[in-house]
């Protein structure tokens, strides 16, 4: 008798879980899945959504629900698998494409993230809102030339990211010209004010182009204005001074090199710089 009662209780529990032998509707399973997501029961949520997909393999909400349950459980490979499956079943759906972008970025799948943005542009988003992110994604994907293309457009559109101006200036010096690189820093200064980062980078670019006196005029106030001297900035100033023909400039460069020799880290060849300036002074 006891065994019979236990059997009845067990059967009742199974029926409660499975919905009386699989009689649940897709709508009921989706609702249960959404509730499980809200309760942070991600494995249970996946179970509900996957059972809904057994009934309707193309159900968009179930496909996105199981992907979301995997994403919240940090199983990103599985999340993007179901989102890609949803994309095949429901092409040109912006909601799905946007989720592919989000998960691809979290996964470090830069190529899929870029493809998702390009698809949303084809759906009507326009390029402008995505310039800055495309610059970042192409850089992460190892294609700085493409990153530079989109970064320039982000700046023309008026990005509020000062770091993008610095990065774009560096790219311009590599892919375009020092003149363009300096123009980008000038536009950054006009927009954000004379931040030290802009001033220092402009000074270095001027020095690279042989305009050492202009570079010194920009960099010296930054170096001398620091309450605690920054050895790397002192090194840059010394390099600019050493490149000038006047003996007094080279002597000052030598003093700076000797001062920072013991505090610089990272394998800077200060000793060889000291020797080179000493030889020139002889």
Protein backbone atom coordinates (compact mmCIF):
# COMPACT_ATOMS: atom_id res chain seq x y z
CA UNK A 1 0.00 0.00 0.00
CA UNK A 2 2.83 2.40 0.95
CA UNK A 3 4.72 1.53 -2.26
CA UNK A 4 1.57 2.22 -4.27
CA UNK A 5 1.14 5.65 -2.67
CA UNK A 6 4.77 6.52 -3.34
CA UNK A 7 4.30 5.47 -6.97
CA UNK A 8 1.27 7.75 -7.25
CA UNK A 9 3.17 10.69 -5.76
CA UNK A 10 6.11 10.14 -8.08
CA UNK A 11 3.85 9.94 -11.11
CA UNK A 12 2.08 13.12 -10.06
CA UNK A 13 5.41 14.93 -9.73
CA UNK A 14 6.50 13.79 -13.21
CA UNK A 15 3.22 14.89 -14.72
CA UNK A 16 3.54 18.27 -13.00
CA UNK A 17 6.99 18.80 -14.49
CA UNK A 18 6.25 17.50 -17.97
CA UNK A 19 2.83 19.04 -18.25
CA UNK A 20 0.75 15.86 -18.23
CA UNK A 21 2.76 13.92 -20.73
CA UNK A 22 3.86 16.77 -22.99
CA UNK A 23 0.53 18.55 -23.46
CA UNK A 24 2.01 21.99 -22.80
CA UNK A 25 1.64 24.59 -25.51
CA UNK A 26 4.48 26.65 -26.94
CA UNK A 27 2.95 29.70 -25.28
CA UNK A 28 2.93 28.03 -21.85
CA UNK A 29 6.52 26.86 -22.20
CA UNK A 30 7.70 30.29 -23.33
CA UNK A 31 5.95 31.91 -20.36
CA UNK A 32 7.53 29.41 -17.99
CA UNK A 33 10.92 30.06 -19.60
CA UNK A 34 10.58 33.80 -19.19
CA UNK A 35 9.61 33.37 -15.53
CA UNK A 36 12.62 31.13 -14.97
CA UNK A 37 14.84 33.78 -16.56
CA UNK A 38 13.38 36.39 -14.23
CA UNK A 39 14.11 34.06 -11.30
CA UNK A 40 17.68 33.52 -12.56
CA UNK A 41 17.02 29.82 -13.02
CA UNK A 42 18.88 29.66 -16.31
CA UNK A 43 19.13 25.87 -16.68
CA UNK A 44 15.38 25.56 -16.04
CA UNK A 45 14.71 28.37 -18.52
CA UNK A 46 16.70 26.54 -21.19
CA UNK A 47 14.68 23.42 -20.51
CA UNK A 48 11.39 25.21 -21.09
CA UNK A 49 12.56 26.97 -24.25
CA UNK A 50 14.09 23.81 -25.69
CA UNK A 51 10.84 21.91 -25.12
CA UNK A 52 9.03 24.72 -26.93
CA UNK A 53 11.45 24.28 -29.83
CA UNK A 54 10.64 20.58 -29.95
CA UNK A 55 7.09 21.65 -30.77
CA UNK A 56 7.99 24.53 -33.09
CA UNK A 57 11.62 24.52 -34.25
CA UNK A 58 11.32 28.01 -35.74
CA UNK A 59 9.70 29.79 -32.78
CA UNK A 60 11.54 33.10 -32.54
CA UNK A 61 10.85 33.80 -28.87
CA UNK A 62 11.98 30.34 -27.83
CA UNK A 63 15.16 30.58 -29.89
CA UNK A 64 16.00 33.96 -28.42
CA UNK A 65 14.99 32.80 -24.96
CA UNK A 66 17.32 29.81 -24.94
CA UNK A 67 20.10 32.05 -26.31
CA UNK A 68 19.48 34.54 -23.51
CA UNK A 69 19.53 31.77 -20.90
CA UNK A 70 22.90 30.62 -22.22
CA UNK A 71 24.21 34.20 -22.34
CA UNK A 72 23.23 34.94 -18.75
CA UNK A 73 24.90 31.68 -17.72
CA UNK A 74 28.11 32.83 -19.51
CA UNK A 75 27.87 30.04 -22.08
CA UNK A 76 28.38 32.40 -24.97
CA UNK A 77 29.26 29.87 -27.68
CA UNK A 78 25.88 28.19 -27.18
CA UNK A 79 24.13 31.56 -27.02
CA UNK A 80 25.47 32.66 -30.40
CA UNK A 81 24.68 29.22 -31.89
CA UNK A 82 20.98 29.67 -31.13
CA UNK A 83 21.01 33.29 -32.24
CA UNK A 84 22.53 32.24 -35.57
CA UNK A 85 19.85 29.57 -35.82
CA UNK A 86 17.21 32.23 -35.14
CA UNK A 87 18.78 34.40 -37.83
CA UNK A 88 18.46 31.56 -40.36
CA UNK A 89 14.82 31.05 -39.43
CA UNK A 90 14.00 34.76 -39.30
CA UNK A 91 16.36 36.64 -41.66
CA UNK A 92 16.63 40.42 -41.57
CA UNK A 93 15.20 40.61 -38.04
CA UNK A 94 16.84 43.55 -36.29
CA UNK A 95 16.16 42.27 -32.78
CA UNK A 96 18.00 39.03 -33.51
CA UNK A 97 20.85 40.80 -35.31
CA UNK A 98 21.34 43.21 -32.41
CA UNK A 99 21.59 40.29 -29.98
CA UNK A 100 24.17 38.63 -32.23
CA UNK A 101 26.21 41.84 -32.02
CA UNK A 102 25.97 41.97 -28.22
CA UNK A 103 26.91 38.32 -27.70
CA UNK A 104 29.65 38.39 -30.34
CA UNK A 105 31.33 41.33 -28.59
CA UNK A 106 31.12 39.56 -25.22
CA UNK A 107 32.60 36.46 -26.85
CA UNK A 108 35.40 38.39 -28.54
CA UNK A 109 34.06 37.35 -31.95
CA UNK A 110 34.85 40.65 -33.64
CA UNK A 111 34.06 39.45 -37.16
CA UNK A 112 30.51 38.38 -36.26
CA UNK A 113 29.98 41.64 -34.38
CA UNK A 114 31.08 43.64 -37.43
CA UNK A 115 28.86 41.56 -39.73
CA UNK A 116 25.89 42.17 -37.42
CA UNK A 117 26.43 45.94 -37.53
CA UNK A 118 26.77 45.88 -41.32
CA UNK A 119 23.52 43.91 -41.53
CA UNK A 120 21.71 46.45 -39.30
CA UNK A 121 23.01 49.24 -41.54
CA UNK A 122 21.50 47.43 -44.53
CA UNK A 123 18.23 47.26 -42.59
CA UNK A 124 18.22 51.04 -42.34
CA UNK A 125 20.27 52.03 -39.27
CA UNK A 126 22.73 54.17 -41.22
CA UNK A 127 26.48 54.11 -40.67
CA UNK A 128 26.78 57.17 -38.45
CA UNK A 129 25.80 55.65 -35.08
CA UNK A 130 28.27 52.81 -35.58
CA UNK A 131 31.44 54.60 -36.72
CA UNK A 132 33.13 54.58 -33.32
CA UNK A 133 32.31 50.97 -32.50
CA UNK A 134 33.37 49.81 -35.96
CA UNK A 135 36.71 51.55 -35.46
CA UNK A 136 37.18 49.67 -32.19
CA UNK A 137 36.05 46.32 -33.62
CA UNK A 138 38.27 46.53 -36.71
CA UNK A 139 41.22 47.41 -34.49
CA UNK A 140 40.51 44.40 -32.27
CA UNK A 141 40.18 42.28 -35.39
CA UNK A 142 43.72 43.22 -36.36
CA UNK A 143 42.91 45.58 -39.25
CA UNK A 144 44.02 49.08 -38.18
CA UNK A 145 43.65 50.46 -41.70
CA UNK A 146 39.90 49.83 -41.62
CA UNK A 147 39.79 51.07 -38.03
CA UNK A 148 41.37 54.35 -39.14
CA UNK A 149 38.74 54.75 -41.89
CA UNK A 150 35.86 54.56 -39.40
CA UNK A 151 37.67 56.53 -36.69
CA UNK A 152 38.10 59.47 -39.07
CA UNK A 153 34.36 59.41 -39.73
CA UNK A 154 33.57 59.19 -36.03
CA UNK A 155 35.64 62.33 -35.46
CA UNK A 156 33.97 64.17 -38.33
CA UNK A 157 30.63 63.20 -36.81
CA UNK A 158 31.70 64.69 -33.47
CA UNK A 159 32.64 61.86 -31.13
CA UNK A 160 32.96 62.74 -27.43
CA UNK A 161 35.78 60.25 -26.92
CA UNK A 162 39.15 62.05 -26.49
CA UNK A 163 41.08 58.77 -26.63
CA UNK A 164 39.77 58.16 -30.15
CA UNK A 165 41.41 61.40 -31.31
CA UNK A 166 44.76 60.24 -29.93
CA UNK A 167 44.46 56.82 -31.54
CA UNK A 168 43.31 58.27 -34.85
CA UNK A 169 46.21 60.72 -34.85
CA UNK A 170 48.61 57.80 -34.41
CA UNK A 171 46.94 55.95 -37.28
CA UNK A 172 47.09 59.09 -39.45
CA UNK A 173 50.83 59.36 -38.86
CA UNK A 174 51.15 55.77 -40.07
CA UNK A 175 48.64 55.65 -42.94
CA UNK A 176 48.21 59.24 -44.07
CA UNK A 177 50.64 61.99 -43.09
CA UNK A 178 52.11 63.79 -40.09
CA UNK A 179 50.21 66.88 -41.20
CA UNK A 180 46.87 65.09 -40.94
CA UNK A 181 47.89 63.61 -37.59
CA UNK A 182 48.64 67.08 -36.23
CA UNK A 183 45.36 68.45 -37.61
CA UNK A 184 43.46 65.75 -35.73
CA UNK A 185 45.20 66.72 -32.47
CA UNK A 186 44.44 70.39 -33.15
CA UNK A 187 40.76 69.55 -33.62
CA UNK A 188 40.86 67.56 -30.36
CA UNK A 189 42.35 70.55 -28.54
CA UNK A 190 39.68 72.84 -30.00
CA UNK A 191 36.97 70.44 -28.78
CA UNK A 192 38.27 69.36 -25.37
CA UNK A 193 40.85 71.99 -24.46
CA UNK A 194 44.66 71.71 -24.24
CA UNK A 195 44.85 68.35 -22.50
CA UNK A 196 48.42 67.24 -21.79
CA UNK A 197 47.93 64.10 -23.90
CA UNK A 198 47.16 66.20 -26.98
CA UNK A 199 50.04 68.60 -26.36
CA UNK A 200 52.61 65.84 -25.78
CA UNK A 201 51.57 63.87 -28.84
CA UNK A 202 51.64 66.97 -31.03
CA UNK A 203 55.11 67.81 -29.74
CA UNK A 204 56.36 64.33 -30.63
CA UNK A 205 54.85 64.55 -34.11
CA UNK A 206 56.47 67.94 -34.67
CA UNK A 207 59.79 66.51 -33.54
CA UNK A 208 59.45 63.56 -35.92
CA UNK A 209 58.88 66.03 -38.73
CA UNK A 210 62.06 67.93 -37.81
CA UNK A 211 60.33 70.89 -36.12
CA UNK A 212 62.29 70.52 -32.89
CA UNK A 213 61.97 74.08 -31.64
CA UNK A 214 58.18 74.05 -31.96
CA UNK A 215 58.13 70.67 -30.28
CA UNK A 216 60.25 71.99 -27.39
CA UNK A 217 57.99 75.01 -26.98
CA UNK A 218 54.99 72.74 -26.55
CA UNK A 219 56.56 70.04 -24.41
CA UNK A 220 58.67 72.06 -21.98
CA UNK A 221 55.74 73.70 -20.13
CA UNK A 222 54.15 70.28 -19.63
CA UNK A 223 57.38 68.76 -18.27
CA UNK A 224 58.20 71.71 -16.03
CA UNK A 225 54.61 72.08 -14.85
CA UNK A 226 54.49 68.62 -13.27
CA UNK A 227 54.89 68.73 -9.49
CA UNK A 228 56.31 65.21 -9.72
CA UNK A 229 58.54 64.85 -12.80
CA UNK A 230 57.50 62.14 -15.24
CA UNK A 231 60.67 60.40 -16.48
CA UNK A 232 59.22 59.41 -19.85
CA UNK A 233 58.23 63.02 -20.57
CA UNK A 234 61.65 64.18 -19.45
CA UNK A 235 63.16 61.64 -21.84
CA UNK A 236 61.08 63.01 -24.72
CA UNK A 237 62.17 66.55 -23.93
CA UNK A 238 65.81 65.46 -23.74
CA UNK A 239 65.53 63.74 -27.13
CA UNK A 240 64.09 66.92 -28.66
CA UNK A 241 66.86 69.02 -27.12
CA UNK A 242 69.57 66.62 -28.25
CA UNK A 243 68.30 66.85 -31.84
CA UNK A 244 68.97 70.59 -31.95
CA UNK A 245 72.34 71.99 -33.05
CA UNK A 246 73.02 74.39 -30.15
CA UNK A 247 75.58 73.25 -27.59
CA UNK A 248 73.47 74.54 -24.69
CA UNK A 249 70.53 72.40 -25.81
CA UNK A 250 72.68 69.30 -25.96
CA UNK A 251 74.17 70.03 -22.54
CA UNK A 252 70.66 70.31 -21.08
CA UNK A 253 69.70 67.06 -22.79
CA UNK A 254 72.75 65.38 -21.25
CA UNK A 255 71.81 66.62 -17.75
CA UNK A 256 68.29 65.24 -18.15
CA UNK A 257 69.54 61.87 -19.41
CA UNK A 258 71.87 61.57 -16.41
CA UNK A 259 69.08 62.57 -14.03
CA UNK A 260 66.58 59.98 -15.26
CA UNK A 261 68.99 57.13 -16.05
CA UNK A 262 68.39 55.33 -12.75
CA UNK A 263 64.62 55.88 -12.55
CA UNK A 264 63.56 54.84 -16.06
CA UNK A 265 62.20 51.35 -16.47
CA UNK A 266 61.51 49.32 -19.56
CA UNK A 267 64.95 49.00 -21.07
CA UNK A 268 65.39 52.52 -22.47
CA UNK A 269 68.90 52.88 -23.96
CA UNK A 270 69.73 55.93 -21.85
CA UNK A 271 73.40 55.02 -21.53
CA UNK A 272 73.81 54.95 -25.30
CA UNK A 273 72.01 58.31 -25.55
CA UNK A 274 74.37 59.77 -22.95
CA UNK A 275 77.34 58.49 -24.90
CA UNK A 276 76.02 59.86 -28.19
CA UNK A 277 75.44 63.36 -26.77
CA UNK A 278 78.79 63.29 -24.98
CA UNK A 279 80.51 62.49 -28.27
CA UNK A 280 78.72 65.35 -30.01
CA UNK A 281 79.73 67.78 -27.27
CA UNK A 282 83.37 66.79 -27.70
